[in-house]
C-alpha atoms as a PDB file:
ATOM      1  CA  MET A   1      43.970 -26.027 -27.337  1.00  0.00           C
ATOM      2  CA  ARG A   2      44.032 -25.238 -31.054  1.00  0.00           C
ATOM      3  CA  ILE A   3      44.274 -28.926 -31.899  1.00  0.00           C
ATOM      4  CA  LEU A   4      41.250 -29.712 -29.721  1.00  0.00           C
ATOM      5  CA  PHE A   5      39.268 -26.905 -31.327  1.00  0.00           C
ATOM      6  CA  SER A   6      40.272 -28.094 -34.820  1.00  0.00           C
ATOM      7  CA  ILE A   7      39.187 -31.639 -34.012  1.00  0.00           C
ATOM      8  CA  MET A   8      35.820 -30.411 -32.701  1.00  0.00           C
ATOM      9  CA  VAL A   9      35.209 -28.331 -35.835  1.00  0.00           C
ATOM     10  CA  PHE A  10      36.142 -31.272 -38.060  1.00  0.00           C
ATOM     11  CA  VAL A  11      33.776 -33.620 -36.176  1.00  0.00           C
ATOM     12  CA  PHE A  12      30.973 -31.047 -36.350  1.00  0.00           C
ATOM     13  CA  LEU A  13      31.381 -30.542 -40.095  1.00  0.00           C
ATOM     14  CA  ALA A  14      31.569 -34.281 -40.717  1.00  0.00           C
ATOM     15  CA  SER A  15      28.341 -34.876 -38.778  1.00  0.00           C
ATOM     16  CA  CYS A  16      26.576 -32.068 -40.666  1.00  0.00           C
ATOM     17  CA  GLN A  17      27.592 -33.620 -43.964  1.00  0.00           C
ATOM     18  CA  GLN A  18      26.208 -37.022 -42.937  1.00  0.00           C
ATOM     19  CA  GLY A  19      22.887 -35.450 -41.950  1.00  0.00           C
ATOM     20  CA  SER A  20      22.449 -33.742 -45.307  1.00  0.00           C
ATOM     21  CA  ASN A  21      23.121 -36.995 -47.171  1.00  0.00           C
ATOM     22  CA  SER A  22      20.475 -38.881 -45.194  1.00  0.00           C
ATOM     23  CA  SER A  23      17.857 -36.202 -45.896  1.00  0.00           C
ATOM     24  CA  GLN A  24      18.537 -36.563 -49.619  1.00  0.00           C
ATOM     25  CA  ASP A  25      18.100 -40.326 -49.318  1.00  0.00           C
ATOM     26  CA  ASN A  26      14.737 -39.839 -47.565  1.00  0.00           C
ATOM     27  CA  SER A  27      13.473 -37.476 -50.240  1.00  0.00           C
ATOM     28  CA  ASP A  28      14.343 -40.023 -52.922  1.00  0.00           C
ATOM     29  CA  LYS A  29      12.386 -42.724 -51.086  1.00  0.00           C
ATOM     30  CA  GLN A  30       9.205 -40.671 -50.685  1.00  0.00           C
ATOM     31  CA  ALA A  31       6.353 -41.521 -53.008  1.00  0.00           C
ATOM     32  CA  THR A  32       5.555 -39.070 -55.727  1.00  0.00           C
ATOM     33  CA  VAL A  33       2.589 -36.864 -54.964  1.00  0.00           C
ATOM     34  CA  GLU A  34      -0.181 -36.875 -57.548  1.00  0.00           C
ATOM     35  CA  LEU A  35      -1.917 -33.520 -57.210  1.00  0.00           C
ATOM     36  CA  GLN A  36      -5.261 -33.150 -58.907  1.00  0.00           C
ATOM     37  CA  GLU A  37      -7.469 -30.120 -59.196  1.00  0.00           C
ATOM     38  CA  GLU A  38     -11.272 -30.110 -59.133  1.00  0.00           C
ATOM     39  CA  VAL A  39     -13.731 -27.284 -59.589  1.00  0.00           C
ATOM     40  CA  LEU A  40     -16.752 -27.906 -57.384  1.00  0.00           C
ATOM     41  CA  ASN A  41     -20.091 -26.185 -57.989  1.00  0.00           C
ATOM     42  CA  ILE A  42     -21.696 -25.464 -54.628  1.00  0.00           C
ATOM     43  CA  GLY A  43     -25.284 -24.458 -53.937  1.00  0.00           C
ATOM     44  CA  LYS A  44     -26.827 -22.518 -51.028  1.00  0.00           C
ATOM     45  CA  MET A  45     -23.889 -20.115 -50.539  1.00  0.00           C
ATOM     46  CA  HIS A  46     -25.122 -16.621 -49.666  1.00  0.00           C
ATOM     47  CA  CYS A  47     -22.345 -14.703 -47.912  1.00  0.00           C
ATOM     48  CA  GLU A  48     -18.657 -14.548 -47.007  1.00  0.00           C
ATOM     49  CA  MET A  49     -19.321 -16.644 -43.892  1.00  0.00           C
ATOM     50  CA  CYS A  50     -20.490 -19.433 -46.219  1.00  0.00           C
ATOM     51  CA  VAL A  51     -17.248 -19.098 -48.169  1.00  0.00           C
ATOM     52  CA  ALA A  52     -15.168 -19.217 -44.978  1.00  0.00           C
ATOM     53  CA  SER A  53     -17.054 -22.261 -43.696  1.00  0.00           C
ATOM     54  CA  ILE A  54     -16.503 -24.227 -46.889  1.00  0.00           C
ATOM     55  CA  GLU A  55     -12.835 -23.220 -47.110  1.00  0.00           C
ATOM     56  CA  LYS A  56     -12.280 -24.263 -43.499  1.00  0.00           C
ATOM     57  CA  GLY A  57     -14.015 -27.606 -44.023  1.00  0.00           C
ATOM     58  CA  LEU A  58     -12.198 -28.494 -47.226  1.00  0.00           C
ATOM     59  CA  THR A  59      -8.828 -27.360 -45.879  1.00  0.00           C
ATOM     60  CA  SER A  60      -9.251 -29.695 -42.901  1.00  0.00           C
ATOM     61  CA  VAL A  61      -9.378 -32.769 -45.175  1.00  0.00           C
ATOM     62  CA  GLU A  62      -6.057 -34.629 -45.150  1.00  0.00           C
ATOM     63  CA  GLY A  63      -4.326 -34.362 -48.511  1.00  0.00           C
ATOM     64  CA  VAL A  64      -5.865 -31.027 -49.535  1.00  0.00           C
ATOM     65  CA  GLU A  65      -3.121 -28.610 -50.593  1.00  0.00           C
ATOM     66  CA  PHE A  66      -5.123 -25.592 -51.787  1.00  0.00           C
ATOM     67  CA  VAL A  67      -8.720 -24.321 -51.565  1.00  0.00           C
ATOM     68  CA  LYS A  68     -10.212 -21.179 -53.101  1.00  0.00           C
ATOM     69  CA  VAL A  69     -13.966 -20.627 -52.806  1.00  0.00           C
ATOM     70  CA  SER A  70     -15.721 -17.961 -54.865  1.00  0.00           C
ATOM     71  CA  LEU A  71     -19.097 -16.565 -53.878  1.00  0.00           C
ATOM     72  CA  ASP A  72     -19.466 -14.820 -57.271  1.00  0.00           C
ATOM     73  CA  ASP A  73     -19.731 -18.030 -59.281  1.00  0.00           C
ATOM     74  CA  SER A  74     -20.486 -20.451 -56.398  1.00  0.00           C
ATOM     75  CA  THR A  75     -17.418 -22.596 -57.014  1.00  0.00           C
ATOM     76  CA  ALA A  76     -14.538 -24.037 -55.041  1.00  0.00           C
ATOM     77  CA  VAL A  77     -11.203 -24.891 -56.609  1.00  0.00           C
ATOM     78  CA  VAL A  78      -9.551 -27.718 -54.661  1.00  0.00           C
ATOM     79  CA  ARG A  79      -6.028 -29.008 -55.284  1.00  0.00           C
ATOM     80  CA  TYR A  80      -5.376 -32.291 -53.495  1.00  0.00           C
ATOM     81  CA  ASP A  81      -3.238 -35.408 -53.281  1.00  0.00           C
ATOM     82  CA  SER A  82      -5.308 -38.160 -54.884  1.00  0.00           C
ATOM     83  CA  ASN A  83      -3.422 -40.776 -52.850  1.00  0.00           C
ATOM     84  CA  LYS A  84      -4.813 -39.322 -49.606  1.00  0.00           C
ATOM     85  CA  THR A  85      -8.313 -38.072 -50.427  1.00  0.00           C
ATOM     86  CA  ASN A  86     -11.028 -38.012 -53.074  1.00  0.00           C
ATOM     87  CA  THR A  87     -14.084 -36.067 -54.156  1.00  0.00           C
ATOM     88  CA  ASP A  88     -16.411 -38.218 -52.052  1.00  0.00           C
ATOM     89  CA  GLN A  89     -14.811 -36.736 -48.947  1.00  0.00           C
ATOM     90  CA  PHE A  90     -15.297 -33.223 -50.335  1.00  0.00           C
ATOM     91  CA  LYS A  91     -18.979 -33.934 -50.937  1.00  0.00           C
ATOM     92  CA  GLU A  92     -19.359 -35.214 -47.375  1.00  0.00           C
ATOM     93  CA  VAL A  93     -17.677 -32.139 -45.866  1.00  0.00           C
ATOM     94  CA  ILE A  94     -19.758 -29.743 -47.969  1.00  0.00           C
ATOM     95  CA  GLU A  95     -23.055 -31.453 -47.147  1.00  0.00           C
ATOM     96  CA  LYS A  96     -22.250 -31.659 -43.413  1.00  0.00           C
ATOM     97  CA  ARG A  97     -21.934 -27.883 -43.431  1.00  0.00           C
ATOM     98  CA  GLY A  98     -25.382 -27.476 -44.979  1.00  0.00           C
ATOM     99  CA  TYR A  99     -24.471 -26.810 -48.604  1.00  0.00           C
ATOM    100  CA  VAL A 100     -25.180 -28.725 -51.794  1.00  0.00           C
ATOM    101  CA  LEU A 101     -22.642 -30.083 -54.257  1.00  0.00           C
ATOM    102  CA  LYS A 102     -24.055 -29.517 -57.739  1.00  0.00           C
ATOM    103  CA  ASN A 103     -21.366 -31.313 -59.821  1.00  0.00           C
ATOM    104  CA  LYS A 104     -23.221 -34.052 -61.728  1.00  0.00           C
ATOM    105  CA  GLU A 105     -20.087 -36.100 -62.413  1.00  0.00           C
ATOM    106  CA  LEU A 106     -19.200 -36.215 -58.695  1.00  0.00           C
ATOM    107  CA  GLN A 107     -22.615 -37.344 -57.487  1.00  0.00           C
ATOM    108  CA  PRO A 108     -23.395 -41.076 -57.328  1.00  0.00           C
END
């Protein structure tokens, strides 16, 4: 019985070791993420519901890692993966929610 138990433990440990090696291989193969950060100037924000709406919209964009909207200075800080999204998508989301993007360099 002890021999059987020892064999089972050995097989279990060996399989765990193989699994950890394959996860390291996968992490090496993944593309590097290029995070960028933009500060967006947003018009027509009047209350905390406006802030929540913009945060919800920007967070829903694939590739966005972080969003912080400030009513005090009417800005949104967005950290995103530039391989998955861009500022044109942010502009579209903001305008669909009824707000105005005031960044001159982001407008066509």
